[in-house]
């Protein structure tokens, strides 16, 4: 029997999302002869009147999308359907509207591409609608539990590494300390991996408390060894030496991390007596051309998600473990947050290379 499956992206965008949508579309049509419907703007597309939906097939698929960042379907990281913000400042439960929309579209299953917060909401939402949900992990932060890789992470690391490659010559030309602030939310995965790949002298991550005196000592030792510049990578959620978080306010009263690089530059110019500059990479890490590894992982995840629907597995998330694709319960994935392992192989490797984490 021909199934009708929906697919949507939820939460922040990242590279590789279009590759996931492509893989779902091609696998569903080529292997099972199912119909695929792309929901636009995440759950907002189901709240729209009429629903914002696009039928997808290999025949009408634009080939260039495999190489394009972001998601052509659009996404949203606001508007929880269970607590939807209204114009009067209040909140309303609009989940029943989505249930009605799903029934009107006659969907047999839904594939949701999202981070831990999105997958938790989508799981509750589609259980209420009586529709099977298969989740695909995507986040540049790579902090979703029960999977070694998430779509978007590898591209974000590559972009941060390229930024360090660009900062190194100008740092050397002017005898400067260069600080690169990268994203990652509450985890330091991007900072750690890009720092190793880009030859950073100092890597500061939220999982390892630091003292600026140790960072200054590292700078002084490095200069005595004849090196005239310092590269520092810092994750956006790293706090001040006293433990104060750096937050910036945005539209709608939203607060996000930001400001640690500026703080470090001011402190190190004073304490180390060296000319210091900082760069905040920001959303550059979310855009750009998806790396080959992200395209491959996205394709594997998308095709496997379709197989899970065929196997009638319910409320599962596709995962990558021990060099193979598998599936785990969404509930287990969203409750087991994955921070950097302070004693893990990457931290151990960085220390062997002489990287300073500010803790010794």
C-alpha atoms as a PDB file:
ATOM      1  CA  UNK A   1       0.000   0.000   0.000  1.00  0.00           C
ATOM      2  CA  UNK A   2       1.286   3.466  -0.868  1.00  0.00           C
ATOM      3  CA  UNK A   3       2.179   5.415   2.226  1.00  0.00           C
ATOM      4  CA  UNK A   4       2.057   9.177   2.591  1.00  0.00           C
ATOM      5  CA  UNK A   5       4.932  10.465   4.697  1.00  0.00           C
ATOM      6  CA  UNK A   6       5.708  14.003   5.731  1.00  0.00           C
ATOM      7  CA  UNK A   7       9.080  15.567   6.428  1.00  0.00           C
ATOM      8  CA  UNK A   8       9.953  18.825   8.187  1.00  0.00           C
ATOM      9  CA  UNK A   9      12.964  20.622   9.621  1.00  0.00           C
ATOM     10  CA  UNK A  10      12.741  22.190  13.060  1.00  0.00           C
ATOM     11  CA  UNK A  11      15.041  24.376  15.149  1.00  0.00           C
ATOM     12  CA  UNK A  12      18.156  26.139  13.911  1.00  0.00           C
ATOM     13  CA  UNK A  13      19.370  25.499  10.382  1.00  0.00           C
ATOM     14  CA  UNK A  14      22.652  23.859   9.453  1.00  0.00           C
ATOM     15  CA  UNK A  15      24.452  22.411   6.457  1.00  0.00           C
ATOM     16  CA  UNK A  16      23.243  19.046   5.182  1.00  0.00           C
ATOM     17  CA  UNK A  17      19.499  19.428   5.730  1.00  0.00           C
ATOM     18  CA  UNK A  18      18.701  19.443   2.025  1.00  0.00           C
ATOM     19  CA  UNK A  19      20.723  16.241   1.651  1.00  0.00           C
ATOM     20  CA  UNK A  20      18.520  14.589   4.301  1.00  0.00           C
ATOM     21  CA  UNK A  21      15.318  15.683   2.537  1.00  0.00           C
ATOM     22  CA  UNK A  22      16.721  14.438  -0.769  1.00  0.00           C
ATOM     23  CA  UNK A  23      17.608  11.042   0.706  1.00  0.00           C
ATOM     24  CA  UNK A  24      14.147  10.610   2.231  1.00  0.00           C
ATOM     25  CA  UNK A  25      12.466  11.591  -1.041  1.00  0.00           C
ATOM     26  CA  UNK A  26      14.576   9.296  -3.222  1.00  0.00           C
ATOM     27  CA  UNK A  27      14.511   6.286  -0.869  1.00  0.00           C
ATOM     28  CA  UNK A  28      10.745   6.510  -0.297  1.00  0.00           C
ATOM     29  CA  UNK A  29      10.003   6.672  -4.027  1.00  0.00           C
ATOM     30  CA  UNK A  30      12.663   4.326  -5.381  1.00  0.00           C
ATOM     31  CA  UNK A  31      12.395   1.566  -2.791  1.00  0.00           C
ATOM     32  CA  UNK A  32       8.782   1.693  -1.615  1.00  0.00           C
ATOM     33  CA  UNK A  33       6.885   3.856  -4.119  1.00  0.00           C
ATOM     34  CA  UNK A  34       5.644   6.112  -1.293  1.00  0.00           C
ATOM     35  CA  UNK A  35       4.550   9.744  -1.550  1.00  0.00           C
ATOM     36  CA  UNK A  36       6.564  12.374   0.294  1.00  0.00           C
ATOM     37  CA  UNK A  37       5.265  15.759   1.424  1.00  0.00           C
ATOM     38  CA  UNK A  38       7.606  18.509   2.600  1.00  0.00           C
ATOM     39  CA  UNK A  39       6.146  20.704   5.364  1.00  0.00           C
ATOM     40  CA  UNK A  40       7.340  24.292   5.058  1.00  0.00           C
ATOM     41  CA  UNK A  41       8.622  26.389   7.982  1.00  0.00           C
ATOM     42  CA  UNK A  42       8.539  23.462  10.393  1.00  0.00           C
ATOM     43  CA  UNK A  43       5.376  23.127  12.467  1.00  0.00           C
ATOM     44  CA  UNK A  44       4.377  26.630  11.342  1.00  0.00           C
ATOM     45  CA  UNK A  45       3.507  25.124   7.969  1.00  0.00           C
ATOM     46  CA  UNK A  46       0.930  22.891   9.658  1.00  0.00           C
ATOM     47  CA  UNK A  47      -0.579  25.848  11.529  1.00  0.00           C
ATOM     48  CA  UNK A  48      -0.982  27.869   8.340  1.00  0.00           C
ATOM     49  CA  UNK A  49      -4.356  28.037   6.614  1.00  0.00           C
ATOM     50  CA  UNK A  50      -4.115  26.307   4.198  1.00  0.00           C
ATOM     51  CA  UNK A  51      -1.182  24.096   5.202  1.00  0.00           C
ATOM     52  CA  UNK A  52       2.108  24.984   3.546  1.00  0.00           C
ATOM     53  CA  UNK A  53       3.025  21.675   1.943  1.00  0.00           C
ATOM     54  CA  UNK A  54       5.018  20.692  -1.143  1.00  0.00           C
ATOM     55  CA  UNK A  55       4.869  17.268  -2.752  1.00  0.00           C
ATOM     56  CA  UNK A  56       8.390  15.965  -3.352  1.00  0.00           C
ATOM     57  CA  UNK A  57       9.654  13.433  -5.874  1.00  0.00           C
ATOM     58  CA  UNK A  58      12.941  12.545  -7.627  1.00  0.00           C
ATOM     59  CA  UNK A  59      11.492  13.857 -10.895  1.00  0.00           C
ATOM     60  CA  UNK A  60      11.041  17.410  -9.627  1.00  0.00           C
ATOM     61  CA  UNK A  61      14.053  17.520  -7.306  1.00  0.00           C
ATOM     62  CA  UNK A  62      16.450  20.442  -8.040  1.00  0.00           C
ATOM     63  CA  UNK A  63      19.909  18.823  -8.234  1.00  0.00           C
ATOM     64  CA  UNK A  64      21.759  21.871  -6.918  1.00  0.00           C
ATOM     65  CA  UNK A  65      20.103  21.584  -3.463  1.00  0.00           C
ATOM     66  CA  UNK A  66      22.468  18.781  -2.445  1.00  0.00           C
ATOM     67  CA  UNK A  67      25.245  21.381  -2.481  1.00  0.00           C
ATOM     68  CA  UNK A  68      23.340  24.165  -0.708  1.00  0.00           C
ATOM     69  CA  UNK A  69      23.300  24.916   3.009  1.00  0.00           C
ATOM     70  CA  UNK A  70      20.205  25.599   5.073  1.00  0.00           C
ATOM     71  CA  UNK A  71      16.850  23.990   4.306  1.00  0.00           C
ATOM     72  CA  UNK A  72      14.802  24.843   1.246  1.00  0.00           C
ATOM     73  CA  UNK A  73      11.652  23.892   3.181  1.00  0.00           C
ATOM     74  CA  UNK A  74      12.406  26.527   5.818  1.00  0.00           C
ATOM     75  CA  UNK A  75      12.450  26.030   9.586  1.00  0.00           C
ATOM     76  CA  UNK A  76      11.583  27.729  12.863  1.00  0.00           C
ATOM     77  CA  UNK A  77      13.061  27.724  16.356  1.00  0.00           C
ATOM     78  CA  UNK A  78      10.130  29.546  17.955  1.00  0.00           C
ATOM     79  CA  UNK A  79       6.438  28.843  18.411  1.00  0.00           C
ATOM     80  CA  UNK A  80       6.088  25.686  20.534  1.00  0.00           C
ATOM     81  CA  UNK A  81       2.595  24.470  19.468  1.00  0.00           C
ATOM     82  CA  UNK A  82       1.789  23.527  23.069  1.00  0.00           C
ATOM     83  CA  UNK A  83       2.648  27.060  24.281  1.00  0.00           C
ATOM     84  CA  UNK A  84       2.278  29.218  21.211  1.00  0.00           C
ATOM     85  CA  UNK A  85       2.977  32.945  21.812  1.00  0.00           C
ATOM     86  CA  UNK A  86       0.013  35.160  20.946  1.00  0.00           C
ATOM     87  CA  UNK A  87      -0.112  38.850  20.001  1.00  0.00           C
ATOM     88  CA  UNK A  88      -1.644  39.797  23.363  1.00  0.00           C
ATOM     89  CA  UNK A  89       1.441  38.463  25.157  1.00  0.00           C
ATOM     90  CA  UNK A  90      -0.244  35.284  26.315  1.00  0.00           C
ATOM     91  CA  UNK A  91       0.193  31.677  25.251  1.00  0.00           C
ATOM     92  CA  UNK A  92      -2.187  29.192  23.643  1.00  0.00           C
ATOM     93  CA  UNK A  93      -2.134  25.450  23.108  1.00  0.00           C
ATOM     94  CA  UNK A  94      -2.463  25.052  19.318  1.00  0.00           C
ATOM     95  CA  UNK A  95      -1.486  21.397  19.157  1.00  0.00           C
ATOM     96  CA  UNK A  96      -5.030  20.358  18.197  1.00  0.00           C
ATOM     97  CA  UNK A  97      -4.729  22.464  15.039  1.00  0.00           C
ATOM     98  CA  UNK A  98      -1.673  20.468  14.017  1.00  0.00           C
ATOM     99  CA  UNK A  99      -3.463  17.204  14.761  1.00  0.00           C
ATOM    100  CA  UNK A 100      -6.268  18.300  12.446  1.00  0.00           C
ATOM    101  CA  UNK A 101      -3.801  19.344   9.742  1.00  0.00           C
ATOM    102  CA  UNK A 102      -1.994  16.002   9.880  1.00  0.00           C
ATOM    103  CA  UNK A 103      -5.298  14.135   9.560  1.00  0.00           C
ATOM    104  CA  UNK A 104      -6.352  16.350   6.646  1.00  0.00           C
ATOM    105  CA  UNK A 105      -3.095  15.530   4.853  1.00  0.00           C
ATOM    106  CA  UNK A 106      -3.715  11.808   5.523  1.00  0.00           C
ATOM    107  CA  UNK A 107      -0.124  11.277   6.637  1.00  0.00           C
ATOM    108  CA  UNK A 108       0.924   7.781   7.701  1.00  0.00           C
ATOM    109  CA  UNK A 109       4.232   8.881   9.256  1.00  0.00           C
ATOM    110  CA  UNK A 110       6.391  11.949   9.827  1.00  0.00           C
ATOM    111  CA  UNK A 111      10.154  12.400   9.657  1.00  0.00           C
ATOM    112  CA  UNK A 112      11.361  15.265  11.843  1.00  0.00           C
ATOM    113  CA  UNK A 113      14.885  16.661  11.462  1.00  0.00           C
ATOM    114  CA  UNK A 114      15.860  18.517  14.629  1.00  0.00           C
ATOM    115  CA  UNK A 115      17.921  18.927  17.768  1.00  0.00           C
ATOM    116  CA  UNK A 116      17.053  17.669  21.227  1.00  0.00           C
ATOM    117  CA  UNK A 117      14.515  20.399  21.996  1.00  0.00           C
ATOM    118  CA  UNK A 118      12.755  20.057  18.659  1.00  0.00           C
ATOM    119  CA  UNK A 119      12.631  16.259  18.785  1.00  0.00           C
ATOM    120  CA  UNK A 120      11.129  16.331  22.280  1.00  0.00           C
ATOM    121  CA  UNK A 121       8.307  18.633  21.153  1.00  0.00           C
ATOM    122  CA  UNK A 122       7.745  16.766  17.875  1.00  0.00           C
ATOM    123  CA  UNK A 123       7.560  13.459  19.725  1.00  0.00           C
ATOM    124  CA  UNK A 124       4.796  14.728  22.000  1.00  0.00           C
ATOM    125  CA  UNK A 125       3.021  16.399  19.103  1.00  0.00           C
ATOM    126  CA  UNK A 126       2.838  13.439  16.735  1.00  0.00           C
ATOM    127  CA  UNK A 127       2.036  10.951  19.461  1.00  0.00           C
ATOM    128  CA  UNK A 128      -1.010  13.128  20.120  1.00  0.00           C
ATOM    129  CA  UNK A 129      -1.800  13.053  16.397  1.00  0.00           C
ATOM    130  CA  UNK A 130      -1.467   9.272  16.340  1.00  0.00           C
ATOM    131  CA  UNK A 131       1.206   9.452  13.648  1.00  0.00           C
ATOM    132  CA  UNK A 132       4.530   7.637  13.859  1.00  0.00           C
ATOM    133  CA  UNK A 133       7.542   9.972  14.155  1.00  0.00           C
ATOM    134  CA  UNK A 134      11.070   9.094  13.097  1.00  0.00           C
ATOM    135  CA  UNK A 135      13.666  11.644  14.183  1.00  0.00           C
ATOM    136  CA  UNK A 136      16.925  12.585  12.475  1.00  0.00           C
ATOM    137  CA  UNK A 137      19.539  14.361  14.644  1.00  0.00           C
ATOM    138  CA  UNK A 138      20.821  17.654  13.329  1.00  0.00           C
ATOM    139  CA  UNK A 139      22.792  20.227  15.233  1.00  0.00           C
ATOM    140  CA  UNK A 140      26.125  21.909  14.712  1.00  0.00           C
ATOM    141  CA  UNK A 141      26.637  21.526  18.485  1.00  0.00           C
ATOM    142  CA  UNK A 142      26.742  17.685  18.241  1.00  0.00           C
ATOM    143  CA  UNK A 143      25.277  17.486  21.754  1.00  0.00           C
ATOM    144  CA  UNK A 144      22.377  15.064  21.159  1.00  0.00           C
ATOM    145  CA  UNK A 145      22.742  11.892  23.201  1.00  0.00           C
ATOM    146  CA  UNK A 146      22.922   8.348  21.841  1.00  0.00           C
ATOM    147  CA  UNK A 147      24.604   9.305  18.554  1.00  0.00           C
ATOM    148  CA  UNK A 148      28.221   9.980  17.703  1.00  0.00           C
ATOM    149  CA  UNK A 149      27.374  12.341  14.847  1.00  0.00           C
ATOM    150  CA  UNK A 150      24.639  14.832  14.007  1.00  0.00           C
ATOM    151  CA  UNK A 151      23.967  16.443  10.637  1.00  0.00           C
ATOM    152  CA  UNK A 152      25.682  19.840  10.359  1.00  0.00           C
ATOM    153  CA  UNK A 153      28.458  19.308  12.888  1.00  0.00           C
ATOM    154  CA  UNK A 154      31.249  18.384  10.500  1.00  0.00           C
ATOM    155  CA  UNK A 155      30.646  21.366   8.244  1.00  0.00           C
ATOM    156  CA  UNK A 156      30.651  23.711  11.251  1.00  0.00           C
ATOM    157  CA  UNK A 157      34.015  22.278  12.350  1.00  0.00           C
ATOM    158  CA  UNK A 158      35.423  22.668   8.840  1.00  0.00           C
ATOM    159  CA  UNK A 159      34.334  26.317   8.710  1.00  0.00           C
ATOM    160  CA  UNK A 160      35.871  27.052  12.115  1.00  0.00           C
ATOM    161  CA  UNK A 161      39.079  25.323  11.065  1.00  0.00           C
ATOM    162  CA  UNK A 162      39.207  27.379   7.876  1.00  0.00           C
ATOM    163  CA  UNK A 163      38.765  30.530   9.961  1.00  0.00           C
ATOM    164  CA  UNK A 164      41.817  29.559  12.034  1.00  0.00           C
ATOM    165  CA  UNK A 165      43.752  28.944   8.806  1.00  0.00           C
ATOM    166  CA  UNK A 166      42.891  32.495   7.755  1.00  0.00           C
ATOM    167  CA  UNK A 167      43.711  34.034  11.133  1.00  0.00           C
ATOM    168  CA  UNK A 168      47.131  32.397  11.497  1.00  0.00           C
ATOM    169  CA  UNK A 169      49.003  34.406   8.814  1.00  0.00           C
ATOM    170  CA  UNK A 170      47.673  37.766   9.988  1.00  0.00           C
ATOM    171  CA  UNK A 171      48.454  36.838  13.598  1.00  0.00           C
ATOM    172  CA  UNK A 172      52.023  35.960  12.617  1.00  0.00           C
ATOM    173  CA  UNK A 173      52.408  39.129  10.539  1.00  0.00           C
ATOM    174  CA  UNK A 174      51.590  41.399  13.479  1.00  0.00           C
ATOM    175  CA  UNK A 175      52.836  39.392  16.500  1.00  0.00           C
ATOM    176  CA  UNK A 176      49.279  39.129  17.809  1.00  0.00           C
ATOM    177  CA  UNK A 177      47.076  36.960  19.936  1.00  0.00           C
ATOM    178  CA  UNK A 178      44.072  35.949  17.827  1.00  0.00           C
ATOM    179  CA  UNK A 179      40.911  34.746  19.546  1.00  0.00           C
ATOM    180  CA  UNK A 180      38.201  32.890  17.635  1.00  0.00           C
ATOM    181  CA  UNK A 181      34.785  32.514  19.288  1.00  0.00           C
ATOM    182  CA  UNK A 182      32.754  29.610  17.915  1.00  0.00           C
ATOM    183  CA  UNK A 183      29.232  28.347  18.469  1.00  0.00           C
ATOM    184  CA  UNK A 184      28.307  25.142  20.271  1.00  0.00           C
ATOM    185  CA  UNK A 185      25.647  26.160  22.785  1.00  0.00           C
ATOM    186  CA  UNK A 186      26.551  24.489  26.126  1.00  0.00           C
ATOM    187  CA  UNK A 187      29.039  22.045  24.620  1.00  0.00           C
ATOM    188  CA  UNK A 188      32.612  22.536  23.436  1.00  0.00           C
ATOM    189  CA  UNK A 189      32.718  20.023  20.580  1.00  0.00           C
ATOM    190  CA  UNK A 190      33.226  22.585  17.785  1.00  0.00           C
ATOM    191  CA  UNK A 191      35.903  24.473  19.701  1.00  0.00           C
ATOM    192  CA  UNK A 192      37.774  21.288  20.592  1.00  0.00           C
ATOM    193  CA  UNK A 193      37.785  19.684  17.146  1.00  0.00           C
ATOM    194  CA  UNK A 194      38.506  22.867  15.189  1.00  0.00           C
ATOM    195  CA  UNK A 195      41.164  23.866  17.707  1.00  0.00           C
ATOM    196  CA  UNK A 196      43.045  20.624  17.190  1.00  0.00           C
ATOM    197  CA  UNK A 197      42.634  20.738  13.399  1.00  0.00           C
ATOM    198  CA  UNK A 198      43.600  24.416  13.205  1.00  0.00           C
ATOM    199  CA  UNK A 199      46.666  24.243  15.453  1.00  0.00           C
ATOM    200  CA  UNK A 200      45.317  26.357  18.322  1.00  0.00           C
ATOM    201  CA  UNK A 201      47.599  27.021  21.279  1.00  0.00           C
ATOM    202  CA  UNK A 202      44.705  27.471  23.720  1.00  0.00           C
ATOM    203  CA  UNK A 203      41.235  25.892  23.650  1.00  0.00           C
ATOM    204  CA  UNK A 204      38.646  27.019  26.189  1.00  0.00           C
ATOM    205  CA  UNK A 205      35.477  24.946  26.536  1.00  0.00           C
ATOM    206  CA  UNK A 206      32.638  25.068  29.099  1.00  0.00           C
ATOM    207  CA  UNK A 207      33.362  21.549  30.336  1.00  0.00           C
ATOM    208  CA  UNK A 208      36.804  22.519  31.701  1.00  0.00           C
ATOM    209  CA  UNK A 209      37.016  25.470  34.166  1.00  0.00           C
ATOM    210  CA  UNK A 210      39.956  27.759  33.460  1.00  0.00           C
ATOM    211  CA  UNK A 211      42.175  30.370  35.087  1.00  0.00           C
ATOM    212  CA  UNK A 212      43.520  33.261  33.050  1.00  0.00           C
ATOM    213  CA  UNK A 213      46.858  33.012  34.862  1.00  0.00           C
ATOM    214  CA  UNK A 214      47.389  29.595  33.263  1.00  0.00           C
ATOM    215  CA  UNK A 215      46.508  31.015  29.842  1.00  0.00           C
ATOM    216  CA  UNK A 216      48.985  33.873  30.338  1.00  0.00           C
ATOM    217  CA  UNK A 217      51.670  31.395  31.364  1.00  0.00           C
ATOM    218  CA  UNK A 218      51.027  29.416  28.173  1.00  0.00           C
ATOM    219  CA  UNK A 219      51.375  32.600  26.102  1.00  0.00           C
ATOM    220  CA  UNK A 220      54.659  33.454  27.823  1.00  0.00           C
ATOM    221  CA  UNK A 221      56.080  29.933  27.363  1.00  0.00           C
ATOM    222  CA  UNK A 222      55.131  29.932  23.701  1.00  0.00           C
ATOM    223  CA  UNK A 223      56.865  33.257  23.093  1.00  0.00           C
ATOM    224  CA  UNK A 224      60.026  32.038  24.823  1.00  0.00           C
ATOM    225  CA  UNK A 225      60.043  29.123  22.403  1.00  0.00           C
ATOM    226  CA  UNK A 226      60.313  31.635  19.535  1.00  0.00           C
ATOM    227  CA  UNK A 227      56.733  31.713  18.310  1.00  0.00           C
ATOM    228  CA  UNK A 228      55.463  35.250  17.746  1.00  0.00           C
ATOM    229  CA  UNK A 229      51.702  34.625  17.701  1.00  0.00           C
ATOM    230  CA  UNK A 230      49.016  32.770  19.661  1.00  0.00           C
ATOM    231  CA  UNK A 231      45.783  31.190  18.398  1.00  0.00           C
ATOM    232  CA  UNK A 232      42.967  30.802  20.929  1.00  0.00           C
ATOM    233  CA  UNK A 233      39.629  29.089  20.276  1.00  0.00           C
ATOM    234  CA  UNK A 234      36.825  29.648  22.762  1.00  0.00           C
ATOM    235  CA  UNK A 235      33.328  28.174  22.838  1.00  0.00           C
ATOM    236  CA  UNK A 236      30.542  30.750  23.093  1.00  0.00           C
ATOM    237  CA  UNK A 237      29.211  29.392  26.409  1.00  0.00           C
ATOM    238  CA  UNK A 238      32.497  29.698  28.293  1.00  0.00           C
ATOM    239  CA  UNK A 239      31.992  31.931  31.330  1.00  0.00           C
ATOM    240  CA  UNK A 240      34.207  34.616  32.803  1.00  0.00           C
ATOM    241  CA  UNK A 241      36.964  33.565  35.163  1.00  0.00           C
ATOM    242  CA  UNK A 242      34.560  34.348  38.017  1.00  0.00           C
ATOM    243  CA  UNK A 243      31.818  32.160  36.563  1.00  0.00           C
ATOM    244  CA  UNK A 244      29.596  34.853  35.032  1.00  0.00           C
ATOM    245  CA  UNK A 245      27.908  33.869  31.745  1.00  0.00           C
ATOM    246  CA  UNK A 246      28.042  36.191  28.748  1.00  0.00           C
ATOM    247  CA  UNK A 247      24.609  36.689  27.193  1.00  0.00           C
ATOM    248  CA  UNK A 248      23.202  38.985  24.519  1.00  0.00           C
ATOM    249  CA  UNK A 249      19.551  40.027  24.195  1.00  0.00           C
ATOM    250  CA  UNK A 250      17.726  39.762  20.892  1.00  0.00           C
ATOM    251  CA  UNK A 251      14.308  40.449  19.432  1.00  0.00           C
ATOM    252  CA  UNK A 252      11.342  39.006  21.389  1.00  0.00           C
ATOM    253  CA  UNK A 253      13.452  39.122  24.565  1.00  0.00           C
ATOM    254  CA  UNK A 254      15.457  36.087  23.496  1.00  0.00           C
ATOM    255  CA  UNK A 255      18.886  35.723  25.096  1.00  0.00           C
ATOM    256  CA  UNK A 256      21.820  33.881  23.563  1.00  0.00           C
ATOM    257  CA  UNK A 257      25.472  33.397  24.355  1.00  0.00           C
ATOM    258  CA  UNK A 258      27.904  36.061  23.198  1.00  0.00           C
ATOM    259  CA  UNK A 259      30.725  38.241  24.504  1.00  0.00           C
ATOM    260  CA  UNK A 260      33.343  35.844  25.855  1.00  0.00           C
ATOM    261  CA  UNK A 261      35.881  36.625  23.106  1.00  0.00           C
ATOM    262  CA  UNK A 262      35.667  40.367  23.794  1.00  0.00           C
ATOM    263  CA  UNK A 263      36.180  39.735  27.513  1.00  0.00           C
ATOM    264  CA  UNK A 264      39.219  37.520  26.905  1.00  0.00           C
ATOM    265  CA  UNK A 265      40.779  40.019  24.495  1.00  0.00           C
ATOM    266  CA  UNK A 266      40.537  42.841  27.034  1.00  0.00           C
ATOM    267  CA  UNK A 267      41.907  40.683  29.859  1.00  0.00           C
ATOM    268  CA  UNK A 268      44.794  39.216  27.895  1.00  0.00           C
ATOM    269  CA  UNK A 269      45.908  42.559  26.461  1.00  0.00           C
ATOM    270  CA  UNK A 270      46.262  43.769  30.051  1.00  0.00           C
ATOM    271  CA  UNK A 271      47.678  40.645  31.670  1.00  0.00           C
ATOM    272  CA  UNK A 272      49.894  39.357  28.854  1.00  0.00           C
ATOM    273  CA  UNK A 273      50.880  42.746  27.456  1.00  0.00           C
ATOM    274  CA  UNK A 274      50.269  41.569  23.912  1.00  0.00           C
ATOM    275  CA  UNK A 275      48.242  43.023  21.073  1.00  0.00           C
ATOM    276  CA  UNK A 276      45.052  40.994  20.871  1.00  0.00           C
ATOM    277  CA  UNK A 277      42.231  40.754  18.342  1.00  0.00           C
ATOM    278  CA  UNK A 278      39.078  38.639  18.366  1.00  0.00           C
ATOM    279  CA  UNK A 279      36.705  37.244  15.748  1.00  0.00           C
ATOM    280  CA  UNK A 280      33.191  35.975  16.429  1.00  0.00           C
ATOM    281  CA  UNK A 281      32.363  33.384  13.800  1.00  0.00           C
ATOM    282  CA  UNK A 282      28.639  33.237  14.604  1.00  0.00           C
ATOM    283  CA  UNK A 283      26.138  32.050  12.021  1.00  0.00           C
ATOM    284  CA  UNK A 284      28.791  31.595   9.344  1.00  0.00           C
ATOM    285  CA  UNK A 285      29.096  28.108  10.867  1.00  0.00           C
ATOM    286  CA  UNK A 286      25.465  27.327  10.006  1.00  0.00           C
ATOM    287  CA  UNK A 287      25.593  28.296   6.349  1.00  0.00           C
ATOM    288  CA  UNK A 288      27.844  27.540   3.443  1.00  0.00           C
ATOM    289  CA  UNK A 289      28.336  24.450   1.326  1.00  0.00           C
ATOM    290  CA  UNK A 290      27.824  21.151   3.225  1.00  0.00           C
ATOM    291  CA  UNK A 291      30.999  19.114   3.598  1.00  0.00           C
ATOM    292  CA  UNK A 292      31.219  15.717   1.915  1.00  0.00           C
ATOM    293  CA  UNK A 293      31.052  13.967   5.302  1.00  0.00           C
ATOM    294  CA  UNK A 294      27.859  15.824   6.232  1.00  0.00           C
ATOM    295  CA  UNK A 295      26.279  14.965   2.876  1.00  0.00           C
ATOM    296  CA  UNK A 296      27.120  11.287   3.345  1.00  0.00           C
ATOM    297  CA  UNK A 297      25.829  11.183   6.933  1.00  0.00           C
ATOM    298  CA  UNK A 298      22.674  13.053   5.920  1.00  0.00           C
ATOM    299  CA  UNK A 299      22.040  10.584   3.089  1.00  0.00           C
ATOM    300  CA  UNK A 300      22.547   7.569   5.349  1.00  0.00           C
ATOM    301  CA  UNK A 301      20.241   9.025   8.026  1.00  0.00           C
ATOM    302  CA  UNK A 302      17.515   9.939   5.540  1.00  0.00           C
ATOM    303  CA  UNK A 303      17.468   6.559   3.803  1.00  0.00           C
ATOM    304  CA  UNK A 304      17.496   4.682   7.113  1.00  0.00           C
ATOM    305  CA  UNK A 305      14.614   6.778   8.458  1.00  0.00           C
ATOM    306  CA  UNK A 306      12.478   5.553   5.561  1.00  0.00           C
ATOM    307  CA  UNK A 307      13.443   1.946   6.338  1.00  0.00           C
ATOM    308  CA  UNK A 308      12.400   2.431   9.981  1.00  0.00           C
ATOM    309  CA  UNK A 309       8.952   3.524   8.826  1.00  0.00           C
ATOM    310  CA  UNK A 310       8.720   0.414   6.661  1.00  0.00           C
ATOM    311  CA  UNK A 311       9.690  -1.706   9.695  1.00  0.00           C
ATOM    312  CA  UNK A 312       6.899   0.004  11.660  1.00  0.00           C
ATOM    313  CA  UNK A 313       9.344   1.217  14.297  1.00  0.00           C
ATOM    314  CA  UNK A 314       7.792   4.030  16.299  1.00  0.00           C
ATOM    315  CA  UNK A 315       9.152   7.149  17.977  1.00  0.00           C
ATOM    316  CA  UNK A 316      12.749   6.289  17.113  1.00  0.00           C
ATOM    317  CA  UNK A 317      15.729   8.468  16.223  1.00  0.00           C
ATOM    318  CA  UNK A 318      18.291   7.479  13.627  1.00  0.00           C
ATOM    319  CA  UNK A 319      21.772   7.354  15.165  1.00  0.00           C
ATOM    320  CA  UNK A 320      25.389   6.658  14.237  1.00  0.00           C
ATOM    321  CA  UNK A 321      27.216   4.309  16.608  1.00  0.00           C
ATOM    322  CA  UNK A 322      30.335   2.187  16.246  1.00  0.00           C
ATOM    323  CA  UNK A 323      30.718   3.101  12.573  1.00  0.00           C
ATOM    324  CA  UNK A 324      27.227   2.024  11.560  1.00  0.00           C
ATOM    325  CA  UNK A 325      23.704   3.408  11.358  1.00  0.00           C
ATOM    326  CA  UNK A 326      21.180   2.291  13.965  1.00  0.00           C
ATOM    327  CA  UNK A 327      18.187   3.651  15.857  1.00  0.00           C
ATOM    328  CA  UNK A 328      17.418   4.599  19.464  1.00  0.00           C
ATOM    329  CA  UNK A 329      14.312   5.818  21.243  1.00  0.00           C
ATOM    330  CA  UNK A 330      13.754   9.550  20.923  1.00  0.00           C
ATOM    331  CA  UNK A 331      13.096   9.686  24.661  1.00  0.00           C
ATOM    332  CA  UNK A 332      16.555   8.269  25.455  1.00  0.00           C
ATOM    333  CA  UNK A 333      18.255  10.535  22.909  1.00  0.00           C
ATOM    334  CA  UNK A 334      16.824  13.820  24.195  1.00  0.00           C
ATOM    335  CA  UNK A 335      17.397  13.061  27.883  1.00  0.00           C
ATOM    336  CA  UNK A 336      21.061  12.025  27.562  1.00  0.00           C
ATOM    337  CA  UNK A 337      22.856  15.290  26.775  1.00  0.00           C
ATOM    338  CA  UNK A 338      26.318  14.770  25.275  1.00  0.00           C
ATOM    339  CA  UNK A 339      28.984  17.143  26.542  1.00  0.00           C
ATOM    340  CA  UNK A 340      32.718  16.908  25.834  1.00  0.00           C
ATOM    341  CA  UNK A 341      34.335  14.092  27.784  1.00  0.00           C
ATOM    342  CA  UNK A 342      37.097  15.779  29.781  1.00  0.00           C
ATOM    343  CA  UNK A 343      39.057  12.524  29.773  1.00  0.00           C
ATOM    344  CA  UNK A 344      38.103  11.553  26.228  1.00  0.00           C
ATOM    345  CA  UNK A 345      40.541  10.923  23.358  1.00  0.00           C
ATOM    346  CA  UNK A 346      40.281  14.400  21.823  1.00  0.00           C
ATOM    347  CA  UNK A 347      41.091  16.210  25.074  1.00  0.00           C
ATOM    348  CA  UNK A 348      43.905  13.752  25.779  1.00  0.00           C
ATOM    349  CA  UNK A 349      45.273  14.225  22.269  1.00  0.00           C
ATOM    350  CA  UNK A 350      45.143  18.013  22.527  1.00  0.00           C
ATOM    351  CA  UNK A 351      47.048  17.972  25.807  1.00  0.00           C
ATOM    352  CA  UNK A 352      49.736  15.755  24.246  1.00  0.00           C
ATOM    353  CA  UNK A 353      50.073  18.329  21.481  1.00  0.00           C
ATOM    354  CA  UNK A 354      50.701  21.024  24.077  1.00  0.00           C
ATOM    355  CA  UNK A 355      47.290  22.688  23.919  1.00  0.00           C
ATOM    356  CA  UNK A 356      46.385  24.659  27.037  1.00  0.00           C
ATOM    357  CA  UNK A 357      42.825  24.330  28.401  1.00  0.00           C
ATOM    358  CA  UNK A 358      43.453  26.962  31.079  1.00  0.00           C
ATOM    359  CA  UNK A 359      43.314  24.465  33.929  1.00  0.00           C
ATOM    360  CA  UNK A 360      47.046  23.915  34.384  1.00  0.00           C
END
